[in-house]
Amino acid sequence: DASGAAASGDVYDHIRKRGMFLETQRTEAISTSDLIVRIVQDYDDFIRRNLMRGYTLDQMNVGITWPVRSFVRRKTEQVLGKEKADQMQRAVRTAMETTVKSSKKFARETQKWQSK
């Protein structure tokens, strides 16, 4: 669908110029957003199934920690339920982001101190 309008013109222009744009016809009662949500929500199952079929982590474009994270996530959902597991995941992500920010700040301050 070429309905993408942007302040600078066609929002898909840069993709068209690279030959990567494929216009598709709209289908009544089919939402692209709904399709994407269904794909993304089943992503872990998709990866797990294909790893069990013999695909490698590289072929699936996932890191070496993916199987462990997936296992922990499944077990957490079994014990706590999906909503609590989601809350825990957000809390862990926030804690990690905070740690990274603090580490970067510490490194900058250390560099300033060493350069004096």
N, C-alpha and C. Protein backbone atom coordinates (compact mmCIF):
# COMPACT_ATOMS: atom_id res chain seq x y z
N ASP A 1 0.86 -1.18 0.00
CA ASP A 1 0.00 0.00 0.00
C ASP A 1 0.89 1.23 0.00
N ALA A 2 0.68 2.10 -0.93
CA ALA A 2 1.52 3.30 -1.07
C ALA A 2 0.87 4.51 -0.42
N SER A 3 0.15 4.31 0.66
CA SER A 3 -0.55 5.43 1.28
C SER A 3 0.32 6.20 2.26
N GLY A 4 1.56 5.81 2.43
CA GLY A 4 2.43 6.46 3.41
C GLY A 4 2.80 7.86 3.02
N ALA A 5 2.28 8.83 3.74
CA ALA A 5 2.61 10.22 3.47
C ALA A 5 3.51 10.74 4.57
N ALA A 6 4.50 11.51 4.20
CA ALA A 6 5.41 12.11 5.18
C ALA A 6 5.61 13.56 4.80
N ALA A 7 6.16 14.33 5.73
CA ALA A 7 6.41 15.75 5.46
C ALA A 7 7.31 15.92 4.24
N SER A 8 8.21 14.98 4.04
CA SER A 8 9.14 15.07 2.91
C SER A 8 8.62 14.37 1.66
N GLY A 9 7.36 13.92 1.67
CA GLY A 9 6.80 13.23 0.51
C GLY A 9 6.45 11.80 0.87
N ASP A 10 6.76 10.88 -0.02
CA ASP A 10 6.45 9.46 0.16
C ASP A 10 7.35 8.86 1.24
N VAL A 11 6.75 8.33 2.28
CA VAL A 11 7.51 7.76 3.40
C VAL A 11 8.30 6.53 2.95
N TYR A 12 7.88 5.89 1.86
CA TYR A 12 8.57 4.71 1.36
C TYR A 12 9.61 5.01 0.29
N ASP A 13 9.84 6.27 0.00
CA ASP A 13 10.72 6.66 -1.11
C ASP A 13 12.11 6.05 -1.02
N HIS A 14 12.72 6.12 0.16
CA HIS A 14 14.08 5.58 0.28
C HIS A 14 14.12 4.07 0.06
N ILE A 15 13.04 3.38 0.40
CA ILE A 15 12.98 1.94 0.18
C ILE A 15 12.76 1.65 -1.30
N ARG A 16 11.92 2.45 -1.95
CA ARG A 16 11.69 2.28 -3.39
C ARG A 16 13.00 2.45 -4.17
N LYS A 17 13.77 3.49 -3.81
CA LYS A 17 15.02 3.77 -4.52
C LYS A 17 16.01 2.62 -4.41
N ARG A 18 15.92 1.85 -3.34
CA ARG A 18 16.81 0.70 -3.16
C ARG A 18 16.24 -0.57 -3.79
N GLY A 19 15.05 -0.46 -4.39
CA GLY A 19 14.43 -1.60 -5.04
C GLY A 19 13.88 -2.63 -4.06
N MET A 20 13.55 -2.19 -2.84
CA MET A 20 13.11 -3.11 -1.80
C MET A 20 11.62 -3.00 -1.50
N PHE A 21 10.90 -2.16 -2.20
CA PHE A 21 9.49 -1.92 -1.92
C PHE A 21 8.63 -2.82 -2.79
N LEU A 22 7.67 -3.48 -2.18
CA LEU A 22 6.72 -4.29 -2.93
C LEU A 22 5.32 -3.85 -2.50
N GLU A 23 4.62 -3.23 -3.42
CA GLU A 23 3.27 -2.78 -3.10
C GLU A 23 2.33 -3.97 -3.11
N THR A 24 1.47 -4.02 -2.12
CA THR A 24 0.50 -5.10 -2.02
C THR A 24 -0.91 -4.51 -2.00
N GLN A 25 -1.85 -5.34 -2.36
CA GLN A 25 -3.25 -4.91 -2.35
C GLN A 25 -3.83 -5.12 -0.95
N ARG A 26 -4.67 -4.21 -0.53
CA ARG A 26 -5.34 -4.36 0.76
C ARG A 26 -6.39 -5.46 0.64
N THR A 27 -6.54 -6.19 1.73
CA THR A 27 -7.56 -7.23 1.80
C THR A 27 -8.56 -6.80 2.87
N GLU A 28 -9.82 -6.78 2.51
CA GLU A 28 -10.86 -6.36 3.44
C GLU A 28 -10.84 -7.22 4.70
N ALA A 29 -10.93 -6.58 5.85
CA ALA A 29 -11.01 -7.23 7.17
C ALA A 29 -9.70 -7.88 7.61
N ILE A 30 -8.60 -7.60 6.93
CA ILE A 30 -7.29 -8.11 7.34
C ILE A 30 -6.44 -6.92 7.75
N SER A 31 -6.00 -6.92 8.98
CA SER A 31 -5.20 -5.81 9.49
C SER A 31 -3.72 -6.21 9.52
N THR A 32 -2.88 -5.41 8.88
CA THR A 32 -1.45 -5.67 8.90
C THR A 32 -0.93 -5.65 10.33
N SER A 33 -1.41 -4.72 11.12
CA SER A 33 -0.99 -4.64 12.52
C SER A 33 -1.32 -5.92 13.27
N ASP A 34 -2.52 -6.46 13.05
CA ASP A 34 -2.90 -7.71 13.71
C ASP A 34 -1.99 -8.86 13.29
N LEU A 35 -1.64 -8.90 12.00
CA LEU A 35 -0.74 -9.95 11.52
C LEU A 35 0.63 -9.85 12.18
N ILE A 36 1.14 -8.63 12.26
CA ILE A 36 2.46 -8.43 12.88
C ILE A 36 2.43 -8.83 14.35
N VAL A 37 1.37 -8.45 15.06
CA VAL A 37 1.25 -8.82 16.48
C VAL A 37 1.24 -10.33 16.61
N ARG A 38 0.51 -11.03 15.75
CA ARG A 38 0.46 -12.49 15.83
C ARG A 38 1.82 -13.10 15.55
N ILE A 39 2.55 -12.55 14.61
CA ILE A 39 3.89 -13.06 14.29
C ILE A 39 4.83 -12.84 15.47
N VAL A 40 4.84 -11.63 15.99
CA VAL A 40 5.76 -11.29 17.08
C VAL A 40 5.42 -12.05 18.34
N GLN A 41 4.14 -12.19 18.65
CA GLN A 41 3.77 -12.86 19.89
C GLN A 41 4.15 -14.34 19.86
N ASP A 42 4.23 -14.94 18.69
CA ASP A 42 4.60 -16.35 18.57
C ASP A 42 6.07 -16.54 18.20
N TYR A 43 6.86 -15.49 18.28
CA TYR A 43 8.26 -15.53 17.87
C TYR A 43 9.05 -16.62 18.61
N ASP A 44 8.92 -16.65 19.94
CA ASP A 44 9.67 -17.64 20.72
C ASP A 44 9.30 -19.06 20.32
N ASP A 45 8.01 -19.31 20.11
CA ASP A 45 7.58 -20.65 19.67
C ASP A 45 8.17 -20.98 18.30
N PHE A 46 8.18 -20.00 17.42
CA PHE A 46 8.74 -20.18 16.08
C PHE A 46 10.22 -20.55 16.16
N ILE A 47 10.98 -19.81 16.95
CA ILE A 47 12.41 -20.10 17.10
C ILE A 47 12.60 -21.48 17.71
N ARG A 48 11.89 -21.78 18.78
CA ARG A 48 12.01 -23.07 19.47
C ARG A 48 11.72 -24.23 18.52
N ARG A 49 10.62 -24.13 17.76
CA ARG A 49 10.25 -25.21 16.81
C ARG A 49 11.35 -25.42 15.78
N ASN A 50 11.88 -24.33 15.25
CA ASN A 50 12.89 -24.47 14.20
C ASN A 50 14.23 -24.97 14.74
N LEU A 51 14.57 -24.61 15.96
CA LEU A 51 15.78 -25.17 16.57
C LEU A 51 15.60 -26.67 16.77
N MET A 52 14.41 -27.09 17.17
CA MET A 52 14.14 -28.52 17.35
C MET A 52 14.17 -29.27 16.01
N ARG A 53 13.88 -28.56 14.92
CA ARG A 53 13.92 -29.17 13.59
C ARG A 53 15.33 -29.27 13.04
N GLY A 54 16.30 -28.67 13.76
CA GLY A 54 17.68 -28.80 13.33
C GLY A 54 18.33 -27.52 12.82
N TYR A 55 17.59 -26.42 12.77
CA TYR A 55 18.20 -25.16 12.38
C TYR A 55 19.18 -24.73 13.47
N THR A 56 20.22 -24.02 13.09
CA THR A 56 21.20 -23.56 14.06
C THR A 56 20.80 -22.18 14.60
N LEU A 57 21.44 -21.79 15.69
CA LEU A 57 21.20 -20.46 16.25
C LEU A 57 21.55 -19.40 15.21
N ASP A 58 22.66 -19.61 14.48
CA ASP A 58 23.05 -18.64 13.44
C ASP A 58 21.99 -18.54 12.35
N GLN A 59 21.48 -19.68 11.91
CA GLN A 59 20.45 -19.66 10.86
C GLN A 59 19.19 -18.94 11.33
N MET A 60 18.89 -19.05 12.61
CA MET A 60 17.70 -18.39 13.15
C MET A 60 18.01 -16.97 13.60
N ASN A 61 19.27 -16.57 13.49
CA ASN A 61 19.71 -15.21 13.85
C ASN A 61 19.39 -14.88 15.31
N VAL A 62 19.68 -15.84 16.19
CA VAL A 62 19.53 -15.60 17.63
C VAL A 62 20.87 -15.89 18.30
N GLY A 63 21.12 -15.22 19.40
CA GLY A 63 22.39 -15.38 20.10
C GLY A 63 22.47 -16.68 20.89
N ILE A 64 23.65 -16.95 21.41
CA ILE A 64 23.88 -18.21 22.12
C ILE A 64 23.15 -18.26 23.45
N THR A 65 22.71 -17.11 23.95
CA THR A 65 21.98 -17.11 25.22
C THR A 65 20.48 -17.33 25.03
N TRP A 66 20.00 -17.33 23.81
CA TRP A 66 18.57 -17.43 23.56
C TRP A 66 17.95 -18.69 24.19
N PRO A 67 18.53 -19.88 24.02
CA PRO A 67 17.89 -21.06 24.62
C PRO A 67 17.74 -20.95 26.13
N VAL A 68 18.73 -20.40 26.80
CA VAL A 68 18.64 -20.27 28.26
C VAL A 68 17.57 -19.26 28.63
N ARG A 69 17.57 -18.10 27.96
CA ARG A 69 16.55 -17.08 28.25
C ARG A 69 15.15 -17.62 27.99
N SER A 70 15.00 -18.38 26.91
CA SER A 70 13.70 -18.95 26.57
C SER A 70 13.24 -19.94 27.64
N PHE A 71 14.16 -20.79 28.08
CA PHE A 71 13.85 -21.76 29.13
C PHE A 71 13.43 -21.05 30.41
N VAL A 72 14.20 -20.06 30.83
CA VAL A 72 13.89 -19.32 32.05
C VAL A 72 12.54 -18.62 31.92
N ARG A 73 12.28 -18.04 30.77
CA ARG A 73 11.01 -17.34 30.54
C ARG A 73 9.84 -18.32 30.66
N ARG A 74 9.95 -19.49 30.02
CA ARG A 74 8.87 -20.48 30.08
C ARG A 74 8.61 -20.93 31.51
N LYS A 75 9.69 -21.21 32.24
CA LYS A 75 9.53 -21.68 33.62
C LYS A 75 8.95 -20.58 34.50
N THR A 76 9.37 -19.34 34.28
CA THR A 76 8.85 -18.21 35.06
C THR A 76 7.36 -18.05 34.80
N GLU A 77 6.94 -18.18 33.54
CA GLU A 77 5.52 -18.09 33.22
C GLU A 77 4.73 -19.22 33.87
N GLN A 78 5.32 -20.42 33.90
CA GLN A 78 4.63 -21.56 34.52
C GLN A 78 4.42 -21.33 36.01
N VAL A 79 5.44 -20.76 36.67
CA VAL A 79 5.37 -20.57 38.12
C VAL A 79 4.55 -19.34 38.50
N LEU A 80 4.82 -18.21 37.84
CA LEU A 80 4.21 -16.94 38.23
C LEU A 80 3.01 -16.53 37.40
N GLY A 81 2.88 -17.07 36.21
CA GLY A 81 1.87 -16.62 35.27
C GLY A 81 2.46 -15.58 34.33
N LYS A 82 1.82 -15.40 33.19
CA LYS A 82 2.36 -14.51 32.15
C LYS A 82 2.48 -13.06 32.61
N GLU A 83 1.46 -12.54 33.27
CA GLU A 83 1.47 -11.13 33.68
C GLU A 83 2.62 -10.84 34.65
N LYS A 84 2.80 -11.69 35.64
CA LYS A 84 3.89 -11.49 36.61
C LYS A 84 5.25 -11.67 35.93
N ALA A 85 5.34 -12.62 35.00
CA ALA A 85 6.59 -12.84 34.27
C ALA A 85 6.93 -11.60 33.44
N ASP A 86 5.91 -11.00 32.82
CA ASP A 86 6.12 -9.77 32.05
C ASP A 86 6.62 -8.64 32.95
N GLN A 87 6.01 -8.51 34.13
CA GLN A 87 6.43 -7.48 35.09
C GLN A 87 7.88 -7.71 35.51
N MET A 88 8.22 -8.95 35.77
CA MET A 88 9.58 -9.27 36.18
C MET A 88 10.57 -8.96 35.06
N GLN A 89 10.20 -9.29 33.84
CA GLN A 89 11.08 -9.03 32.70
C GLN A 89 11.32 -7.53 32.54
N ARG A 90 10.27 -6.73 32.70
CA ARG A 90 10.42 -5.27 32.60
C ARG A 90 11.32 -4.75 33.72
N ALA A 91 11.17 -5.29 34.93
CA ALA A 91 11.99 -4.85 36.06
C ALA A 91 13.46 -5.20 35.84
N VAL A 92 13.71 -6.39 35.31
CA VAL A 92 15.09 -6.80 35.03
C VAL A 92 15.69 -5.91 33.94
N ARG A 93 14.91 -5.65 32.89
CA ARG A 93 15.40 -4.79 31.80
C ARG A 93 15.73 -3.39 32.32
N THR A 94 14.86 -2.84 33.16
CA THR A 94 15.09 -1.52 33.74
C THR A 94 16.36 -1.53 34.59
N ALA A 95 16.53 -2.56 35.40
CA ALA A 95 17.72 -2.67 36.25
C ALA A 95 18.99 -2.75 35.39
N MET A 96 18.92 -3.51 34.30
CA MET A 96 20.08 -3.63 33.42
C MET A 96 20.40 -2.30 32.75
N GLU A 97 19.37 -1.61 32.28
CA GLU A 97 19.59 -0.31 31.64
C GLU A 97 20.21 0.68 32.62
N THR A 98 19.73 0.67 33.86
CA THR A 98 20.27 1.55 34.90
C THR A 98 21.73 1.21 35.17
N THR A 99 22.05 -0.07 35.22
CA THR A 99 23.42 -0.50 35.45
C THR A 99 24.34 -0.05 34.32
N VAL A 100 23.87 -0.18 33.09
CA VAL A 100 24.67 0.24 31.93
C VAL A 100 24.91 1.74 31.99
N LYS A 101 23.87 2.52 32.28
CA LYS A 101 24.02 3.98 32.37
C LYS A 101 25.01 4.35 33.47
N SER A 102 24.90 3.70 34.63
CA SER A 102 25.81 3.99 35.74
C SER A 102 27.24 3.63 35.38
N SER A 103 27.43 2.50 34.70
CA SER A 103 28.77 2.07 34.30
C SER A 103 29.39 3.06 33.32
N LYS A 104 28.58 3.52 32.36
CA LYS A 104 29.09 4.50 31.39
C LYS A 104 29.46 5.81 32.08
N LYS A 105 28.62 6.24 33.02
CA LYS A 105 28.91 7.46 33.75
C LYS A 105 30.20 7.30 34.56
N PHE A 106 30.36 6.17 35.22
CA PHE A 106 31.57 5.90 35.99
C PHE A 106 32.80 5.92 35.09
N ALA A 107 32.69 5.30 33.91
CA ALA A 107 33.81 5.28 32.96
C ALA A 107 34.17 6.69 32.51
N ARG A 108 33.16 7.52 32.22
CA ARG A 108 33.42 8.91 31.80
C ARG A 108 34.12 9.68 32.92
N GLU A 109 33.61 9.53 34.14
CA GLU A 109 34.21 10.24 35.28
C GLU A 109 35.64 9.78 35.53
N THR A 110 35.87 8.49 35.37
CA THR A 110 37.22 7.94 35.55
C THR A 110 38.17 8.50 34.49
N GLN A 111 37.70 8.60 33.25
CA GLN A 111 38.53 9.17 32.18
C GLN A 111 38.86 10.62 32.47
N LYS A 112 37.88 11.39 32.95
CA LYS A 112 38.12 12.79 33.29
C LYS A 112 39.16 12.88 34.39
N TRP A 113 39.04 12.05 35.41
CA TRP A 113 39.96 12.06 36.55
C TRP A 113 41.37 11.68 36.12
N GLN A 114 41.47 10.67 35.21
CA GLN A 114 42.78 10.22 34.75
C GLN A 114 43.45 11.25 33.85
N SER A 115 42.66 12.04 33.15
CA SER A 115 43.26 13.02 32.22
C SER A 115 43.72 14.28 32.92
N LYS A 116 43.42 14.42 34.20
CA LYS A 116 43.85 15.62 34.95
C LYS A 116 45.28 15.51 35.38
